[in-house]
Amino acid sequence: MFVDERFSLGTETRTRSRYLAIPVSNSAADYEEYYRLSRTEYSHFTTDLAAAVAFADECRARHRDDRLIVQPGSSRGVPR
């Protein structure tokens, strides 16, 4: 978890898929959106914070929605 940069990196336990998550909020809840990463990207982001922050910023701007692991509902949250 990178608290100051407001994102986290992780591995989904069942599938072992790598992801970057950003916090979002809507009127009902605070939650995280999860974006799929390749193993290469995950490895790179663990050693290059600037690259990870840039990717997280692209996710916040919704430029990486093709990587969303779960598509948001009609009441999509906004980045916090």
N, C-alpha and C. Protein backbone atom coordinates (compact mmCIF):
# COMPACT_ATOMS: atom_id res chain seq x y z
N MET A 1 0.85 -1.18 0.00
CA MET A 1 0.00 0.00 0.00
C MET A 1 0.89 1.24 0.00
N PHE A 2 0.60 2.14 -0.90
CA PHE A 2 1.31 3.41 -0.99
C PHE A 2 0.32 4.49 -0.57
N VAL A 3 0.26 4.76 0.73
CA VAL A 3 -0.75 5.63 1.31
C VAL A 3 -0.68 7.03 0.74
N ASP A 4 0.49 7.63 0.73
CA ASP A 4 0.62 9.01 0.24
C ASP A 4 0.25 9.13 -1.23
N GLU A 5 0.50 8.09 -2.01
CA GLU A 5 0.22 8.11 -3.44
C GLU A 5 -1.17 7.59 -3.76
N ARG A 6 -1.89 7.09 -2.75
CA ARG A 6 -3.27 6.61 -2.84
C ARG A 6 -3.47 5.49 -3.87
N PHE A 7 -2.65 4.47 -3.79
CA PHE A 7 -2.87 3.26 -4.57
C PHE A 7 -2.20 2.09 -3.86
N SER A 8 -2.56 0.90 -4.29
CA SER A 8 -1.90 -0.29 -3.76
C SER A 8 -1.64 -1.27 -4.90
N LEU A 9 -0.65 -2.11 -4.70
CA LEU A 9 -0.33 -3.19 -5.62
C LEU A 9 -0.61 -4.49 -4.91
N GLY A 10 -1.09 -5.48 -5.65
CA GLY A 10 -1.35 -6.75 -5.00
C GLY A 10 -1.49 -7.89 -5.99
N THR A 11 -1.72 -9.07 -5.41
CA THR A 11 -1.93 -10.29 -6.18
C THR A 11 -3.21 -10.94 -5.68
N GLU A 12 -4.13 -11.22 -6.58
CA GLU A 12 -5.37 -11.88 -6.24
C GLU A 12 -5.06 -13.32 -5.85
N THR A 13 -5.56 -13.76 -4.71
CA THR A 13 -5.13 -15.04 -4.15
C THR A 13 -5.56 -16.25 -4.98
N ARG A 14 -6.75 -16.24 -5.53
CA ARG A 14 -7.24 -17.42 -6.25
C ARG A 14 -6.58 -17.57 -7.62
N THR A 15 -6.52 -16.48 -8.38
CA THR A 15 -6.00 -16.56 -9.76
C THR A 15 -4.53 -16.17 -9.88
N ARG A 16 -3.99 -15.57 -8.83
CA ARG A 16 -2.61 -15.04 -8.83
C ARG A 16 -2.43 -13.88 -9.81
N SER A 17 -3.54 -13.26 -10.25
CA SER A 17 -3.47 -12.09 -11.13
C SER A 17 -2.94 -10.90 -10.35
N ARG A 18 -2.12 -10.09 -11.00
CA ARG A 18 -1.58 -8.89 -10.37
C ARG A 18 -2.50 -7.71 -10.66
N TYR A 19 -2.52 -6.75 -9.72
CA TYR A 19 -3.38 -5.58 -9.91
C TYR A 19 -2.79 -4.35 -9.25
N LEU A 20 -3.30 -3.21 -9.68
CA LEU A 20 -3.11 -1.93 -9.01
C LEU A 20 -4.51 -1.47 -8.63
N ALA A 21 -4.71 -1.02 -7.40
CA ALA A 21 -6.02 -0.58 -6.93
C ALA A 21 -5.95 0.88 -6.51
N ILE A 22 -7.04 1.60 -6.82
CA ILE A 22 -7.16 3.00 -6.38
C ILE A 22 -8.45 3.15 -5.57
N PRO A 23 -8.44 3.99 -4.53
CA PRO A 23 -9.66 4.21 -3.75
C PRO A 23 -10.61 5.14 -4.50
N VAL A 24 -11.90 4.80 -4.45
CA VAL A 24 -12.95 5.62 -5.04
C VAL A 24 -14.13 5.69 -4.07
N SER A 25 -15.01 6.65 -4.29
CA SER A 25 -16.19 6.82 -3.44
C SER A 25 -17.39 7.17 -4.31
N ASN A 26 -18.55 6.65 -3.92
CA ASN A 26 -19.81 7.13 -4.47
C ASN A 26 -20.72 7.48 -3.30
N SER A 27 -21.97 7.80 -3.55
CA SER A 27 -22.84 8.25 -2.47
C SER A 27 -23.14 7.15 -1.45
N ALA A 28 -22.91 5.90 -1.82
CA ALA A 28 -23.24 4.78 -0.93
C ALA A 28 -22.04 4.18 -0.20
N ALA A 29 -20.85 4.27 -0.79
CA ALA A 29 -19.72 3.54 -0.20
C ALA A 29 -18.38 4.04 -0.70
N ASP A 30 -17.37 3.76 0.10
CA ASP A 30 -15.98 3.90 -0.33
C ASP A 30 -15.52 2.49 -0.72
N TYR A 31 -14.82 2.39 -1.83
CA TYR A 31 -14.34 1.08 -2.27
C TYR A 31 -13.11 1.27 -3.16
N GLU A 32 -12.59 0.18 -3.68
CA GLU A 32 -11.42 0.25 -4.56
C GLU A 32 -11.78 -0.29 -5.94
N GLU A 33 -11.19 0.33 -6.96
CA GLU A 33 -11.25 -0.20 -8.31
C GLU A 33 -9.92 -0.90 -8.57
N TYR A 34 -10.00 -2.08 -9.17
CA TYR A 34 -8.82 -2.92 -9.40
C TYR A 34 -8.52 -2.99 -10.90
N TYR A 35 -7.27 -2.71 -11.24
CA TYR A 35 -6.82 -2.68 -12.62
C TYR A 35 -5.79 -3.79 -12.84
N ARG A 36 -6.03 -4.62 -13.85
CA ARG A 36 -5.18 -5.77 -14.16
C ARG A 36 -3.80 -5.31 -14.62
N LEU A 37 -2.76 -5.97 -14.12
CA LEU A 37 -1.38 -5.72 -14.52
C LEU A 37 -0.77 -7.01 -15.04
N SER A 38 0.14 -6.88 -15.98
CA SER A 38 0.95 -8.04 -16.38
C SER A 38 1.98 -8.29 -15.28
N ARG A 39 2.59 -9.44 -15.30
CA ARG A 39 3.66 -9.72 -14.32
C ARG A 39 4.82 -8.75 -14.50
N THR A 40 5.11 -8.41 -15.74
CA THR A 40 6.20 -7.47 -16.02
C THR A 40 5.88 -6.09 -15.45
N GLU A 41 4.65 -5.61 -15.67
CA GLU A 41 4.26 -4.30 -15.13
C GLU A 41 4.32 -4.31 -13.60
N TYR A 42 3.78 -5.37 -13.00
CA TYR A 42 3.79 -5.46 -11.55
C TYR A 42 5.22 -5.39 -11.01
N SER A 43 6.10 -6.16 -11.59
CA SER A 43 7.50 -6.16 -11.17
C SER A 43 8.12 -4.78 -11.34
N HIS A 44 7.84 -4.15 -12.47
CA HIS A 44 8.37 -2.81 -12.74
C HIS A 44 7.85 -1.80 -11.71
N PHE A 45 6.55 -1.85 -11.42
CA PHE A 45 5.96 -0.89 -10.50
C PHE A 45 6.46 -1.07 -9.07
N THR A 46 6.87 -2.27 -8.70
CA THR A 46 7.40 -2.47 -7.34
C THR A 46 8.77 -1.83 -7.16
N THR A 47 9.45 -1.54 -8.26
CA THR A 47 10.79 -0.93 -8.17
C THR A 47 10.85 0.48 -8.73
N ASP A 48 9.79 0.94 -9.40
CA ASP A 48 9.78 2.28 -10.00
C ASP A 48 8.51 3.00 -9.57
N LEU A 49 8.59 3.69 -8.44
CA LEU A 49 7.42 4.36 -7.88
C LEU A 49 6.85 5.39 -8.85
N ALA A 50 7.68 6.13 -9.55
CA ALA A 50 7.19 7.15 -10.48
C ALA A 50 6.34 6.52 -11.58
N ALA A 51 6.75 5.38 -12.09
CA ALA A 51 5.97 4.70 -13.13
C ALA A 51 4.63 4.21 -12.57
N ALA A 52 4.65 3.70 -11.34
CA ALA A 52 3.41 3.24 -10.71
C ALA A 52 2.46 4.40 -10.47
N VAL A 53 2.97 5.52 -10.00
CA VAL A 53 2.14 6.71 -9.78
C VAL A 53 1.54 7.19 -11.09
N ALA A 54 2.32 7.20 -12.15
CA ALA A 54 1.82 7.63 -13.46
C ALA A 54 0.68 6.72 -13.93
N PHE A 55 0.84 5.41 -13.74
CA PHE A 55 -0.22 4.47 -14.12
C PHE A 55 -1.46 4.69 -13.26
N ALA A 56 -1.29 4.88 -11.96
CA ALA A 56 -2.42 5.14 -11.07
C ALA A 56 -3.15 6.41 -11.49
N ASP A 57 -2.41 7.44 -11.85
CA ASP A 57 -3.03 8.69 -12.32
C ASP A 57 -3.84 8.45 -13.59
N GLU A 58 -3.34 7.61 -14.49
CA GLU A 58 -4.09 7.28 -15.71
C GLU A 58 -5.37 6.53 -15.35
N CYS A 59 -5.31 5.68 -14.34
CA CYS A 59 -6.51 4.97 -13.89
C CYS A 59 -7.52 5.96 -13.30
N ARG A 60 -7.05 6.89 -12.50
CA ARG A 60 -7.94 7.90 -11.91
C ARG A 60 -8.63 8.73 -12.99
N ALA A 61 -7.92 8.99 -14.08
CA ALA A 61 -8.48 9.77 -15.20
C ALA A 61 -9.32 8.88 -16.12
N ARG A 62 -9.45 7.61 -15.78
CA ARG A 62 -10.25 6.62 -16.51
C ARG A 62 -9.71 6.32 -17.91
N HIS A 63 -8.40 6.49 -18.06
CA HIS A 63 -7.75 6.17 -19.33
C HIS A 63 -7.35 4.69 -19.41
N ARG A 64 -7.52 3.96 -18.32
CA ARG A 64 -7.14 2.54 -18.29
C ARG A 64 -8.33 1.64 -17.97
N ASP A 65 -9.54 2.10 -18.30
CA ASP A 65 -10.73 1.31 -17.98
C ASP A 65 -10.76 -0.05 -18.66
N ASP A 66 -10.01 -0.22 -19.73
CA ASP A 66 -9.92 -1.53 -20.38
C ASP A 66 -9.23 -2.55 -19.48
N ARG A 67 -8.58 -2.08 -18.43
CA ARG A 67 -7.87 -2.96 -17.49
C ARG A 67 -8.68 -3.27 -16.23
N LEU A 68 -9.87 -2.69 -16.09
CA LEU A 68 -10.67 -2.94 -14.90
C LEU A 68 -10.97 -4.43 -14.76
N ILE A 69 -10.75 -4.96 -13.58
CA ILE A 69 -11.03 -6.38 -13.34
C ILE A 69 -12.53 -6.59 -13.18
N VAL A 70 -13.20 -5.67 -12.49
CA VAL A 70 -14.65 -5.71 -12.33
C VAL A 70 -15.20 -4.40 -12.88
N GLN A 71 -16.11 -4.50 -13.84
CA GLN A 71 -16.69 -3.30 -14.42
C GLN A 71 -17.59 -2.61 -13.39
N PRO A 72 -17.51 -1.29 -13.28
CA PRO A 72 -18.31 -0.57 -12.30
C PRO A 72 -19.79 -0.54 -12.70
N GLY A 73 -20.62 -0.35 -11.69
CA GLY A 73 -22.05 -0.23 -11.94
C GLY A 73 -22.42 1.16 -12.41
N SER A 74 -23.70 1.45 -12.42
CA SER A 74 -24.19 2.73 -12.93
C SER A 74 -23.82 3.90 -12.01
N SER A 75 -23.54 3.61 -10.76
CA SER A 75 -23.17 4.65 -9.79
C SER A 75 -21.67 4.58 -9.50
N ARG A 76 -20.88 4.72 -10.54
CA ARG A 76 -19.43 4.59 -10.40
C ARG A 76 -18.87 5.66 -9.47
N GLY A 77 -17.96 5.24 -8.63
CA GLY A 77 -17.32 6.17 -7.71
C GLY A 77 -16.32 7.07 -8.40
N VAL A 78 -15.94 8.11 -7.68
CA VAL A 78 -14.92 9.04 -8.16
C VAL A 78 -13.67 8.84 -7.31
N PRO A 79 -12.50 9.02 -7.91
CA PRO A 79 -11.26 8.82 -7.15
C PRO A 79 -11.18 9.74 -5.93
N ARG A 80 -10.59 9.20 -4.85
CA ARG A 80 -10.37 10.00 -3.64
C ARG A 80 -8.93 10.42 -3.58
